[in-house]
C-alpha atoms as a PDB file:
ATOM      1  CA  UNK A   1      10.031  24.464  25.507  1.00  0.00           C
ATOM      2  CA  UNK A   2       8.924  27.876  26.824  1.00  0.00           C
ATOM      3  CA  UNK A   3       6.992  30.571  24.988  1.00  0.00           C
ATOM      4  CA  UNK A   4      10.179  32.452  23.998  1.00  0.00           C
ATOM      5  CA  UNK A   5      11.608  29.296  22.418  1.00  0.00           C
ATOM      6  CA  UNK A   6       8.267  28.569  20.725  1.00  0.00           C
ATOM      7  CA  UNK A   7       8.336  32.027  19.161  1.00  0.00           C
ATOM      8  CA  UNK A   8      11.920  31.632  17.984  1.00  0.00           C
ATOM      9  CA  UNK A   9      11.293  28.146  16.602  1.00  0.00           C
ATOM     10  CA  UNK A  10       8.171  29.327  14.760  1.00  0.00           C
ATOM     11  CA  UNK A  11      10.146  32.230  13.301  1.00  0.00           C
ATOM     12  CA  UNK A  12      12.921  29.948  12.046  1.00  0.00           C
ATOM     13  CA  UNK A  13      10.367  27.547  10.540  1.00  0.00           C
ATOM     14  CA  UNK A  14       8.567  30.364   8.746  1.00  0.00           C
ATOM     15  CA  UNK A  15      11.797  31.875   7.429  1.00  0.00           C
ATOM     16  CA  UNK A  16      12.777  28.445   6.128  1.00  0.00           C
ATOM     17  CA  UNK A  17       9.410  27.921   4.450  1.00  0.00           C
ATOM     18  CA  UNK A  18       8.625  31.405   3.142  1.00  0.00           C
ATOM     19  CA  UNK A  19      11.708  33.604   3.340  1.00  0.00           C
ATOM     20  CA  UNK A  20      12.342  36.427   5.752  1.00  0.00           C
ATOM     21  CA  UNK A  21      10.406  39.120   3.890  1.00  0.00           C
ATOM     22  CA  UNK A  22       7.189  37.062   3.939  1.00  0.00           C
ATOM     23  CA  UNK A  23       7.257  36.430   7.680  1.00  0.00           C
ATOM     24  CA  UNK A  24       4.811  38.607   9.585  1.00  0.00           C
ATOM     25  CA  UNK A  25       3.989  38.859  13.245  1.00  0.00           C
ATOM     26  CA  UNK A  26       0.522  37.468  12.500  1.00  0.00           C
ATOM     27  CA  UNK A  27       2.095  34.329  11.027  1.00  0.00           C
ATOM     28  CA  UNK A  28       4.454  34.019  13.988  1.00  0.00           C
ATOM     29  CA  UNK A  29       1.560  34.384  16.494  1.00  0.00           C
ATOM     30  CA  UNK A  30      -0.364  31.668  14.725  1.00  0.00           C
ATOM     31  CA  UNK A  31       2.558  29.238  14.316  1.00  0.00           C
ATOM     32  CA  UNK A  32       3.832  29.723  17.886  1.00  0.00           C
ATOM     33  CA  UNK A  33       0.290  29.728  19.269  1.00  0.00           C
ATOM     34  CA  UNK A  34       0.878  32.883  21.278  1.00  0.00           C
ATOM     35  CA  UNK A  35      -0.815  36.243  21.487  1.00  0.00           C
ATOM     36  CA  UNK A  36       0.771  39.494  20.416  1.00  0.00           C
ATOM     37  CA  UNK A  37       1.325  40.523  24.023  1.00  0.00           C
ATOM     38  CA  UNK A  38       3.364  37.395  24.671  1.00  0.00           C
ATOM     39  CA  UNK A  39       5.579  37.991  21.660  1.00  0.00           C
ATOM     40  CA  UNK A  40       6.142  41.643  22.573  1.00  0.00           C
ATOM     41  CA  UNK A  41       7.066  40.625  26.127  1.00  0.00           C
ATOM     42  CA  UNK A  42      10.156  38.996  24.621  1.00  0.00           C
ATOM     43  CA  UNK A  43      10.897  40.973  21.444  1.00  0.00           C
ATOM     44  CA  UNK A  44      10.303  44.651  20.671  1.00  0.00           C
ATOM     45  CA  UNK A  45      10.471  44.233  16.897  1.00  0.00           C
ATOM     46  CA  UNK A  46      10.775  41.714  14.090  1.00  0.00           C
ATOM     47  CA  UNK A  47      14.387  42.804  13.619  1.00  0.00           C
ATOM     48  CA  UNK A  48      15.189  42.062  17.265  1.00  0.00           C
ATOM     49  CA  UNK A  49      13.497  38.659  17.000  1.00  0.00           C
ATOM     50  CA  UNK A  50      15.322  37.712  13.790  1.00  0.00           C
ATOM     51  CA  UNK A  51      18.654  38.818  15.258  1.00  0.00           C
ATOM     52  CA  UNK A  52      18.051  36.673  18.323  1.00  0.00           C
ATOM     53  CA  UNK A  53      17.148  33.648  16.162  1.00  0.00           C
ATOM     54  CA  UNK A  54      20.339  34.243  14.150  1.00  0.00           C
ATOM     55  CA  UNK A  55      22.435  34.646  17.306  1.00  0.00           C
ATOM     56  CA  UNK A  56      21.168  31.412  18.826  1.00  0.00           C
ATOM     57  CA  UNK A  57      21.694  29.528  15.557  1.00  0.00           C
ATOM     58  CA  UNK A  58      25.268  30.834  15.350  1.00  0.00           C
ATOM     59  CA  UNK A  59      25.974  29.842  18.959  1.00  0.00           C
ATOM     60  CA  UNK A  60      24.620  26.360  18.264  1.00  0.00           C
ATOM     61  CA  UNK A  61      26.761  26.072  15.129  1.00  0.00           C
ATOM     62  CA  UNK A  62      29.814  27.335  17.023  1.00  0.00           C
ATOM     63  CA  UNK A  63      29.325  24.759  19.766  1.00  0.00           C
ATOM     64  CA  UNK A  64      28.905  22.076  17.116  1.00  0.00           C
ATOM     65  CA  UNK A  65      32.107  23.125  15.348  1.00  0.00           C
ATOM     66  CA  UNK A  66      34.053  22.785  18.600  1.00  0.00           C
ATOM     67  CA  UNK A  67      32.752  19.264  19.391  1.00  0.00           C
ATOM     68  CA  UNK A  68      35.712  16.919  19.728  1.00  0.00           C
ATOM     69  CA  UNK A  69      38.188  19.656  18.794  1.00  0.00           C
ATOM     70  CA  UNK A  70      41.586  19.268  20.454  1.00  0.00           C
ATOM     71  CA  UNK A  71      44.380  21.819  20.164  1.00  0.00           C
ATOM     72  CA  UNK A  72      46.972  19.048  20.513  1.00  0.00           C
ATOM     73  CA  UNK A  73      46.048  17.368  17.236  1.00  0.00           C
ATOM     74  CA  UNK A  74      47.968  18.003  14.029  1.00  0.00           C
ATOM     75  CA  UNK A  75      46.930  20.988  11.951  1.00  0.00           C
ATOM     76  CA  UNK A  76      45.326  18.747   9.341  1.00  0.00           C
ATOM     77  CA  UNK A  77      43.403  16.733  11.955  1.00  0.00           C
ATOM     78  CA  UNK A  78      42.089  19.936  13.556  1.00  0.00           C
ATOM     79  CA  UNK A  79      41.051  21.240  10.140  1.00  0.00           C
ATOM     80  CA  UNK A  80      39.264  17.971   9.335  1.00  0.00           C
ATOM     81  CA  UNK A  81      37.433  18.120  12.676  1.00  0.00           C
ATOM     82  CA  UNK A  82      36.135  21.617  11.945  1.00  0.00           C
ATOM     83  CA  UNK A  83      35.046  20.720   8.430  1.00  0.00           C
ATOM     84  CA  UNK A  84      33.389  17.462   9.459  1.00  0.00           C
ATOM     85  CA  UNK A  85      31.574  19.236  12.287  1.00  0.00           C
ATOM     86  CA  UNK A  86      30.469  22.017   9.913  1.00  0.00           C
ATOM     87  CA  UNK A  87      29.121  19.460   7.443  1.00  0.00           C
ATOM     88  CA  UNK A  88      27.339  17.468  10.159  1.00  0.00           C
ATOM     89  CA  UNK A  89      25.759  20.620  11.549  1.00  0.00           C
ATOM     90  CA  UNK A  90      24.422  21.445   8.083  1.00  0.00           C
ATOM     91  CA  UNK A  91      22.974  17.972   7.637  1.00  0.00           C
ATOM     92  CA  UNK A  92      21.620  17.655  11.192  1.00  0.00           C
ATOM     93  CA  UNK A  93      20.261  21.209  11.547  1.00  0.00           C
ATOM     94  CA  UNK A  94      19.442  22.291   7.997  1.00  0.00           C
ATOM     95  CA  UNK A  95      17.080  25.143   8.919  1.00  0.00           C
ATOM     96  CA  UNK A  96      19.678  26.781  11.141  1.00  0.00           C
ATOM     97  CA  UNK A  97      22.498  26.141   8.666  1.00  0.00           C
ATOM     98  CA  UNK A  98      20.586  27.574   5.717  1.00  0.00           C
ATOM     99  CA  UNK A  99      19.360  30.540   7.758  1.00  0.00           C
ATOM    100  CA  UNK A 100      22.927  31.398   8.790  1.00  0.00           C
ATOM    101  CA  UNK A 101      24.200  30.893   5.269  1.00  0.00           C
ATOM    102  CA  UNK A 102      21.426  32.933   3.659  1.00  0.00           C
ATOM    103  CA  UNK A 103      21.284  35.848   6.077  1.00  0.00           C
ATOM    104  CA  UNK A 104      24.847  36.325   7.336  1.00  0.00           C
ATOM    105  CA  UNK A 105      25.291  39.263   4.974  1.00  0.00           C
ATOM    106  CA  UNK A 106      21.765  40.606   5.174  1.00  0.00           C
ATOM    107  CA  UNK A 107      21.397  44.169   6.438  1.00  0.00           C
ATOM    108  CA  UNK A 108      18.701  42.733   8.697  1.00  0.00           C
ATOM    109  CA  UNK A 109      21.382  41.153  10.896  1.00  0.00           C
ATOM    110  CA  UNK A 110      23.138  43.689  13.101  1.00  0.00           C
ATOM    111  CA  UNK A 111      26.917  44.051  12.671  1.00  0.00           C
ATOM    112  CA  UNK A 112      27.457  43.096  16.342  1.00  0.00           C
ATOM    113  CA  UNK A 113      25.582  39.820  15.937  1.00  0.00           C
ATOM    114  CA  UNK A 114      27.095  39.107  12.500  1.00  0.00           C
ATOM    115  CA  UNK A 115      30.636  39.557  13.834  1.00  0.00           C
ATOM    116  CA  UNK A 116      30.206  37.732  17.139  1.00  0.00           C
ATOM    117  CA  UNK A 117      32.556  34.919  18.098  1.00  0.00           C
ATOM    118  CA  UNK A 118      30.174  31.972  18.178  1.00  0.00           C
ATOM    119  CA  UNK A 119      31.293  29.882  21.162  1.00  0.00           C
ATOM    120  CA  UNK A 120      34.960  30.493  20.389  1.00  0.00           C
ATOM    121  CA  UNK A 121      34.833  28.626  17.096  1.00  0.00           C
ATOM    122  CA  UNK A 122      35.520  31.647  14.887  1.00  0.00           C
ATOM    123  CA  UNK A 123      38.616  32.484  16.896  1.00  0.00           C
ATOM    124  CA  UNK A 124      39.753  28.832  16.874  1.00  0.00           C
ATOM    125  CA  UNK A 125      39.351  28.534  13.083  1.00  0.00           C
ATOM    126  CA  UNK A 126      41.281  31.756  12.485  1.00  0.00           C
ATOM    127  CA  UNK A 127      44.016  30.601  14.881  1.00  0.00           C
ATOM    128  CA  UNK A 128      44.268  27.305  13.005  1.00  0.00           C
ATOM    129  CA  UNK A 129      44.654  29.184   9.717  1.00  0.00           C
ATOM    130  CA  UNK A 130      47.270  31.533  11.187  1.00  0.00           C
ATOM    131  CA  UNK A 131      49.192  28.559  12.630  1.00  0.00           C
ATOM    132  CA  UNK A 132      49.105  26.843   9.244  1.00  0.00           C
ATOM    133  CA  UNK A 133      50.359  29.964   7.521  1.00  0.00           C
ATOM    134  CA  UNK A 134      53.235  30.343  10.005  1.00  0.00           C
ATOM    135  CA  UNK A 135      54.178  26.716   9.352  1.00  0.00           C
ATOM    136  CA  UNK A 136      54.058  27.269   5.589  1.00  0.00           C
ATOM    137  CA  UNK A 137      51.270  24.696   5.189  1.00  0.00           C
ATOM    138  CA  UNK A 138      48.358  27.024   4.418  1.00  0.00           C
ATOM    139  CA  UNK A 139      48.464  29.647   1.657  1.00  0.00           C
ATOM    140  CA  UNK A 140      49.281  33.212   2.574  1.00  0.00           C
ATOM    141  CA  UNK A 141      45.982  35.028   2.219  1.00  0.00           C
ATOM    142  CA  UNK A 142      43.659  36.926   4.460  1.00  0.00           C
ATOM    143  CA  UNK A 143      42.590  34.413   7.154  1.00  0.00           C
ATOM    144  CA  UNK A 144      38.958  35.515   6.861  1.00  0.00           C
ATOM    145  CA  UNK A 145      39.019  34.869   3.123  1.00  0.00           C
ATOM    146  CA  UNK A 146      40.637  31.485   3.720  1.00  0.00           C
ATOM    147  CA  UNK A 147      37.940  30.623   6.259  1.00  0.00           C
ATOM    148  CA  UNK A 148      35.206  31.782   3.884  1.00  0.00           C
ATOM    149  CA  UNK A 149      36.570  29.552   1.101  1.00  0.00           C
ATOM    150  CA  UNK A 150      36.481  26.432   3.240  1.00  0.00           C
ATOM    151  CA  UNK A 151      33.079  27.277   4.708  1.00  0.00           C
ATOM    152  CA  UNK A 152      31.695  27.972   1.239  1.00  0.00           C
ATOM    153  CA  UNK A 153      32.772  24.590  -0.073  1.00  0.00           C
ATOM    154  CA  UNK A 154      31.017  22.784   2.772  1.00  0.00           C
ATOM    155  CA  UNK A 155      27.927  25.002   2.408  1.00  0.00           C
ATOM    156  CA  UNK A 156      27.655  24.223  -1.311  1.00  0.00           C
ATOM    157  CA  UNK A 157      27.899  20.480  -0.697  1.00  0.00           C
ATOM    158  CA  UNK A 158      25.367  20.585   2.148  1.00  0.00           C
ATOM    159  CA  UNK A 159      22.902  22.558   0.012  1.00  0.00           C
ATOM    160  CA  UNK A 160      23.226  20.043  -2.819  1.00  0.00           C
ATOM    161  CA  UNK A 161      22.659  17.197  -0.411  1.00  0.00           C
ATOM    162  CA  UNK A 162      19.617  18.878   1.152  1.00  0.00           C
ATOM    163  CA  UNK A 163      17.882  19.225  -2.221  1.00  0.00           C
ATOM    164  CA  UNK A 164      18.717  15.576  -2.942  1.00  0.00           C
ATOM    165  CA  UNK A 165      21.043  16.426  -5.812  1.00  0.00           C
ATOM    166  CA  UNK A 166      23.321  13.616  -4.633  1.00  0.00           C
ATOM    167  CA  UNK A 167      23.749  11.323  -1.650  1.00  0.00           C
ATOM    168  CA  UNK A 168      26.380  12.118   0.912  1.00  0.00           C
ATOM    169  CA  UNK A 169      28.004   8.877   1.973  1.00  0.00           C
ATOM    170  CA  UNK A 170      31.190   8.568   4.010  1.00  0.00           C
ATOM    171  CA  UNK A 171      33.421   8.534   0.936  1.00  0.00           C
ATOM    172  CA  UNK A 172      31.851  11.734  -0.400  1.00  0.00           C
ATOM    173  CA  UNK A 173      32.179  13.382   3.003  1.00  0.00           C
ATOM    174  CA  UNK A 174      35.895  12.544   3.097  1.00  0.00           C
ATOM    175  CA  UNK A 175      36.347  13.733  -0.506  1.00  0.00           C
ATOM    176  CA  UNK A 176      34.669  17.024   0.359  1.00  0.00           C
ATOM    177  CA  UNK A 177      36.861  17.594   3.405  1.00  0.00           C
ATOM    178  CA  UNK A 178      40.005  16.669   1.468  1.00  0.00           C
ATOM    179  CA  UNK A 179      39.036  19.025  -1.371  1.00  0.00           C
ATOM    180  CA  UNK A 180      38.488  21.903   1.039  1.00  0.00           C
ATOM    181  CA  UNK A 181      41.918  21.205   2.539  1.00  0.00           C
ATOM    182  CA  UNK A 182      43.547  21.196  -0.910  1.00  0.00           C
ATOM    183  CA  UNK A 183      41.936  24.552  -1.674  1.00  0.00           C
ATOM    184  CA  UNK A 184      43.957  26.305   1.045  1.00  0.00           C
ATOM    185  CA  UNK A 185      47.127  24.257   1.491  1.00  0.00           C
ATOM    186  CA  UNK A 186      50.371  25.217  -0.158  1.00  0.00           C
END
């Protein structure tokens, strides 16, 4: 890993441990084991650094959501793939998942970064919803709201799992995905 990645990783770790407002450049220097000059070679401000950490986390999540996704599958199978991938990303990369979930609506994140299409996954999810609505399978509602509902259900389950509120075995994973499907289907 290079110095830029060390800085970004240290920033994500500190945000996870202390919250964004408590993270200072001094803490980042120490955690990343870099000098101030090195950090400022890559990032002009804390806001720029945090936005870049957010952007990279979103790209990673977007790539993860698209893993194994095939347009030729049935609507339900495509939906399940997205939801399973979203859940796995949350379990496998909890710091990134929680950072995205916690700061997506923060004024700290620029509107351009917040609204980016993360590896095509946002567009693919919205297309799936629109296809389902045209077929009369998914409720008529704003596609963004529909997407937010299904994401929110997975996020809530992942958060509960991460604090060890309950285990997340295969049956519970399938129940979660099926419940999120039932929330939007006609």
